[in-house]
Amino acid sequence: MTSKTKASGSKRRMVGFVISDKNDKTIVVRVETLIKHPLLKKYIRRRKKFMAHDPENDSKIGDKVQIIEHRPLSARKKWHLNKVLERSV
């Protein structure tokens, strides 16, 4: 039995700030998440960098962007720029 409809899972989305746009069609986005410490019950800020594909070289350093999970485009680039939320001044 073959099914033409594939159950597509929702892709992960993250919001962060562009910290580098030096590479062609690639941006580096820093995403901050808050996690609660299990013992101290204190919130800790965790930061992680993601490389994302920016086909039109649209975003610049300091822009707030939304990235979406995508198929691997290189060894480290597995995210795609979805939209620019805020422009830097």
N, C-alpha and C. Protein backbone atom coordinates (compact mmCIF):
# COMPACT_ATOMS: atom_id res chain seq x y z
N MET A 1 0.84 -1.17 0.00
CA MET A 1 0.00 0.00 0.00
C MET A 1 0.89 1.24 0.00
N THR A 2 0.78 2.06 -0.99
CA THR A 2 1.59 3.27 -1.07
C THR A 2 0.71 4.48 -0.78
N SER A 3 1.27 5.38 -0.08
CA SER A 3 0.54 6.60 0.26
C SER A 3 1.25 7.79 -0.36
N LYS A 4 0.51 8.62 -1.05
CA LYS A 4 1.11 9.79 -1.68
C LYS A 4 1.24 10.95 -0.71
N THR A 5 0.49 10.93 0.38
CA THR A 5 0.60 11.99 1.36
C THR A 5 1.61 11.58 2.41
N LYS A 6 2.58 12.42 2.61
CA LYS A 6 3.62 12.15 3.59
C LYS A 6 3.34 12.98 4.84
N ALA A 7 3.42 12.35 5.98
CA ALA A 7 3.21 13.08 7.22
C ALA A 7 4.44 13.93 7.49
N SER A 8 4.32 15.21 7.22
CA SER A 8 5.47 16.10 7.39
C SER A 8 5.46 16.66 8.80
N GLY A 9 6.55 16.47 9.49
CA GLY A 9 6.68 17.01 10.82
C GLY A 9 6.96 18.50 10.76
N SER A 10 6.63 19.20 11.81
CA SER A 10 6.89 20.63 11.81
C SER A 10 8.37 20.88 11.98
N LYS A 11 8.88 21.85 11.26
CA LYS A 11 10.29 22.18 11.32
C LYS A 11 10.55 23.10 12.50
N ARG A 12 11.71 22.94 13.10
CA ARG A 12 12.06 23.79 14.24
C ARG A 12 12.36 25.21 13.76
N ARG A 13 11.92 26.17 14.54
CA ARG A 13 12.17 27.58 14.25
C ARG A 13 12.86 28.19 15.46
N MET A 14 13.82 29.08 15.19
CA MET A 14 14.52 29.76 16.26
C MET A 14 14.67 31.23 15.91
N VAL A 15 14.72 32.05 16.93
CA VAL A 15 14.89 33.49 16.76
C VAL A 15 16.21 33.87 17.41
N GLY A 16 17.00 34.65 16.68
CA GLY A 16 18.29 35.07 17.22
C GLY A 16 18.80 36.30 16.49
N PHE A 17 20.03 36.67 16.82
CA PHE A 17 20.66 37.85 16.24
C PHE A 17 21.83 37.45 15.36
N VAL A 18 21.97 38.14 14.24
CA VAL A 18 23.07 37.87 13.31
C VAL A 18 24.35 38.44 13.92
N ILE A 19 25.37 37.59 14.05
CA ILE A 19 26.65 38.05 14.59
C ILE A 19 27.74 38.08 13.53
N SER A 20 27.49 37.45 12.37
CA SER A 20 28.46 37.50 11.28
C SER A 20 27.73 37.30 9.95
N ASP A 21 28.16 38.10 8.97
CA ASP A 21 27.63 37.94 7.62
C ASP A 21 28.76 38.00 6.59
N LYS A 22 29.96 37.62 7.00
CA LYS A 22 31.14 37.74 6.14
C LYS A 22 31.16 36.73 5.01
N ASN A 23 30.60 35.55 5.23
CA ASN A 23 30.59 34.53 4.18
C ASN A 23 29.49 34.83 3.16
N ASP A 24 29.70 34.38 1.93
CA ASP A 24 28.71 34.60 0.88
C ASP A 24 27.53 33.66 1.08
N LYS A 25 26.32 34.23 1.13
CA LYS A 25 25.07 33.49 1.29
C LYS A 25 25.00 32.70 2.59
N THR A 26 25.75 33.11 3.60
CA THR A 26 25.74 32.43 4.90
C THR A 26 25.78 33.48 6.00
N ILE A 27 24.97 33.27 7.03
CA ILE A 27 25.00 34.11 8.22
C ILE A 27 25.21 33.23 9.44
N VAL A 28 25.77 33.81 10.48
CA VAL A 28 25.91 33.12 11.75
C VAL A 28 24.95 33.79 12.72
N VAL A 29 24.08 32.99 13.33
CA VAL A 29 23.02 33.50 14.20
C VAL A 29 23.26 32.98 15.61
N ARG A 30 23.24 33.90 16.59
CA ARG A 30 23.36 33.51 18.00
C ARG A 30 21.96 33.44 18.60
N VAL A 31 21.60 32.26 19.12
CA VAL A 31 20.29 32.03 19.71
C VAL A 31 20.48 31.86 21.21
N GLU A 32 19.68 32.60 21.99
CA GLU A 32 19.74 32.50 23.45
C GLU A 32 18.50 31.79 23.95
N THR A 33 18.68 30.84 24.85
CA THR A 33 17.56 30.16 25.48
C THR A 33 17.73 30.24 26.99
N LEU A 34 16.61 30.28 27.69
CA LEU A 34 16.63 30.28 29.15
C LEU A 34 16.23 28.90 29.64
N ILE A 35 17.06 28.33 30.51
CA ILE A 35 16.71 27.07 31.14
C ILE A 35 16.73 27.25 32.64
N LYS A 36 15.92 26.49 33.31
CA LYS A 36 15.84 26.58 34.77
C LYS A 36 16.75 25.54 35.39
N HIS A 37 17.60 25.97 36.31
CA HIS A 37 18.50 25.05 36.99
C HIS A 37 17.69 24.13 37.88
N PRO A 38 17.91 22.81 37.79
CA PRO A 38 17.05 21.88 38.54
C PRO A 38 17.15 21.99 40.05
N LEU A 39 18.31 22.35 40.56
CA LEU A 39 18.48 22.42 42.01
C LEU A 39 18.29 23.83 42.55
N LEU A 40 18.89 24.80 41.88
CA LEU A 40 18.86 26.17 42.38
C LEU A 40 17.60 26.94 41.98
N LYS A 41 16.84 26.41 41.01
CA LYS A 41 15.62 27.05 40.52
C LYS A 41 15.89 28.45 39.98
N LYS A 42 17.08 28.63 39.44
CA LYS A 42 17.49 29.91 38.89
C LYS A 42 17.60 29.77 37.37
N TYR A 43 17.21 30.80 36.64
CA TYR A 43 17.25 30.73 35.18
C TYR A 43 18.66 31.03 34.68
N ILE A 44 19.12 30.20 33.77
CA ILE A 44 20.45 30.33 33.19
C ILE A 44 20.29 30.61 31.70
N ARG A 45 21.06 31.57 31.20
CA ARG A 45 21.01 31.92 29.78
C ARG A 45 22.04 31.09 29.02
N ARG A 46 21.56 30.32 28.05
CA ARG A 46 22.44 29.51 27.22
C ARG A 46 22.47 30.12 25.82
N ARG A 47 23.67 30.18 25.24
CA ARG A 47 23.84 30.73 23.89
C ARG A 47 24.43 29.68 22.98
N LYS A 48 23.95 29.66 21.75
CA LYS A 48 24.47 28.73 20.76
C LYS A 48 24.48 29.42 19.40
N LYS A 49 25.50 29.10 18.60
CA LYS A 49 25.61 29.70 17.28
C LYS A 49 25.18 28.69 16.22
N PHE A 50 24.42 29.19 15.24
CA PHE A 50 23.98 28.37 14.12
C PHE A 50 24.36 29.07 12.82
N MET A 51 24.80 28.29 11.84
CA MET A 51 25.05 28.83 10.51
C MET A 51 23.79 28.62 9.69
N ALA A 52 23.35 29.67 9.01
CA ALA A 52 22.11 29.61 8.25
C ALA A 52 22.35 30.12 6.83
N HIS A 53 21.57 29.58 5.90
CA HIS A 53 21.67 29.96 4.50
C HIS A 53 20.85 31.22 4.25
N ASP A 54 21.48 32.22 3.66
CA ASP A 54 20.84 33.49 3.31
C ASP A 54 21.05 33.72 1.82
N PRO A 55 20.15 33.23 0.96
CA PRO A 55 20.41 33.22 -0.48
C PRO A 55 20.58 34.61 -1.11
N GLU A 56 19.91 35.64 -0.60
CA GLU A 56 20.01 36.97 -1.19
C GLU A 56 20.97 37.89 -0.44
N ASN A 57 21.70 37.37 0.54
CA ASN A 57 22.57 38.20 1.40
C ASN A 57 21.77 39.39 1.94
N ASP A 58 20.59 39.11 2.47
CA ASP A 58 19.63 40.13 2.88
C ASP A 58 19.92 40.69 4.27
N SER A 59 20.38 39.86 5.20
CA SER A 59 20.53 40.30 6.58
C SER A 59 21.94 40.80 6.85
N LYS A 60 22.03 41.69 7.83
CA LYS A 60 23.30 42.29 8.23
C LYS A 60 23.53 42.04 9.72
N ILE A 61 24.71 42.37 10.19
CA ILE A 61 25.06 42.16 11.59
C ILE A 61 24.12 42.98 12.48
N GLY A 62 23.58 42.34 13.51
CA GLY A 62 22.69 43.00 14.46
C GLY A 62 21.22 42.81 14.17
N ASP A 63 20.88 42.26 13.01
CA ASP A 63 19.47 42.03 12.68
C ASP A 63 18.91 40.90 13.52
N LYS A 64 17.65 41.04 13.90
CA LYS A 64 16.93 39.97 14.58
C LYS A 64 16.23 39.14 13.52
N VAL A 65 16.55 37.84 13.45
CA VAL A 65 16.06 36.99 12.36
C VAL A 65 15.41 35.73 12.91
N GLN A 66 14.59 35.13 12.07
CA GLN A 66 14.02 33.82 12.38
C GLN A 66 14.61 32.83 11.39
N ILE A 67 15.14 31.71 11.92
CA ILE A 67 15.69 30.67 11.07
C ILE A 67 14.86 29.42 11.22
N ILE A 68 14.87 28.60 10.17
CA ILE A 68 14.06 27.39 10.14
C ILE A 68 14.95 26.22 9.76
N GLU A 69 14.66 25.08 10.33
CA GLU A 69 15.44 23.88 10.06
C GLU A 69 15.29 23.48 8.59
N HIS A 70 16.38 23.02 8.00
CA HIS A 70 16.41 22.73 6.57
C HIS A 70 17.32 21.52 6.35
N ARG A 71 17.30 21.00 5.15
CA ARG A 71 18.21 19.89 4.85
C ARG A 71 19.64 20.39 4.90
N PRO A 72 20.61 19.52 5.17
CA PRO A 72 22.00 19.96 5.24
C PRO A 72 22.49 20.52 3.90
N LEU A 73 23.04 21.72 3.95
CA LEU A 73 23.61 22.34 2.78
C LEU A 73 25.13 22.25 2.78
N SER A 74 25.73 22.04 3.94
CA SER A 74 27.16 21.82 4.08
C SER A 74 27.36 21.08 5.40
N ALA A 75 28.60 20.95 5.82
CA ALA A 75 28.88 20.21 7.04
C ALA A 75 28.29 20.87 8.28
N ARG A 76 28.24 22.21 8.29
CA ARG A 76 27.75 22.92 9.47
C ARG A 76 26.47 23.71 9.22
N LYS A 77 26.04 23.82 7.98
CA LYS A 77 24.91 24.68 7.64
C LYS A 77 23.66 23.83 7.42
N LYS A 78 22.77 23.82 8.43
CA LYS A 78 21.54 23.01 8.37
C LYS A 78 20.30 23.85 8.65
N TRP A 79 20.44 25.17 8.55
CA TRP A 79 19.34 26.09 8.82
C TRP A 79 19.19 27.03 7.65
N HIS A 80 18.01 27.62 7.52
CA HIS A 80 17.69 28.52 6.41
C HIS A 80 17.04 29.76 6.98
N LEU A 81 17.41 30.93 6.46
CA LEU A 81 16.80 32.18 6.91
C LEU A 81 15.34 32.22 6.49
N ASN A 82 14.43 32.36 7.46
CA ASN A 82 13.01 32.42 7.17
C ASN A 82 12.58 33.86 6.91
N LYS A 83 12.87 34.76 7.88
CA LYS A 83 12.54 36.16 7.68
C LYS A 83 13.35 37.02 8.65
N VAL A 84 13.49 38.28 8.27
CA VAL A 84 14.14 39.26 9.13
C VAL A 84 13.06 39.94 9.95
N LEU A 85 13.15 39.83 11.27
CA LEU A 85 12.13 40.38 12.15
C LEU A 85 12.36 41.86 12.44
N GLU A 86 13.63 42.23 12.72
CA GLU A 86 13.97 43.63 13.01
C GLU A 86 15.30 43.94 12.36
N ARG A 87 15.42 45.11 11.80
CA ARG A 87 16.67 45.58 11.22
C ARG A 87 17.49 46.30 12.28
N SER A 88 18.82 46.18 12.19
CA SER A 88 19.67 46.91 13.10
C SER A 88 19.76 48.37 12.66
N VAL A 89 20.04 49.23 13.58
CA VAL A 89 20.08 50.66 13.28
C VAL A 89 21.43 51.07 12.78
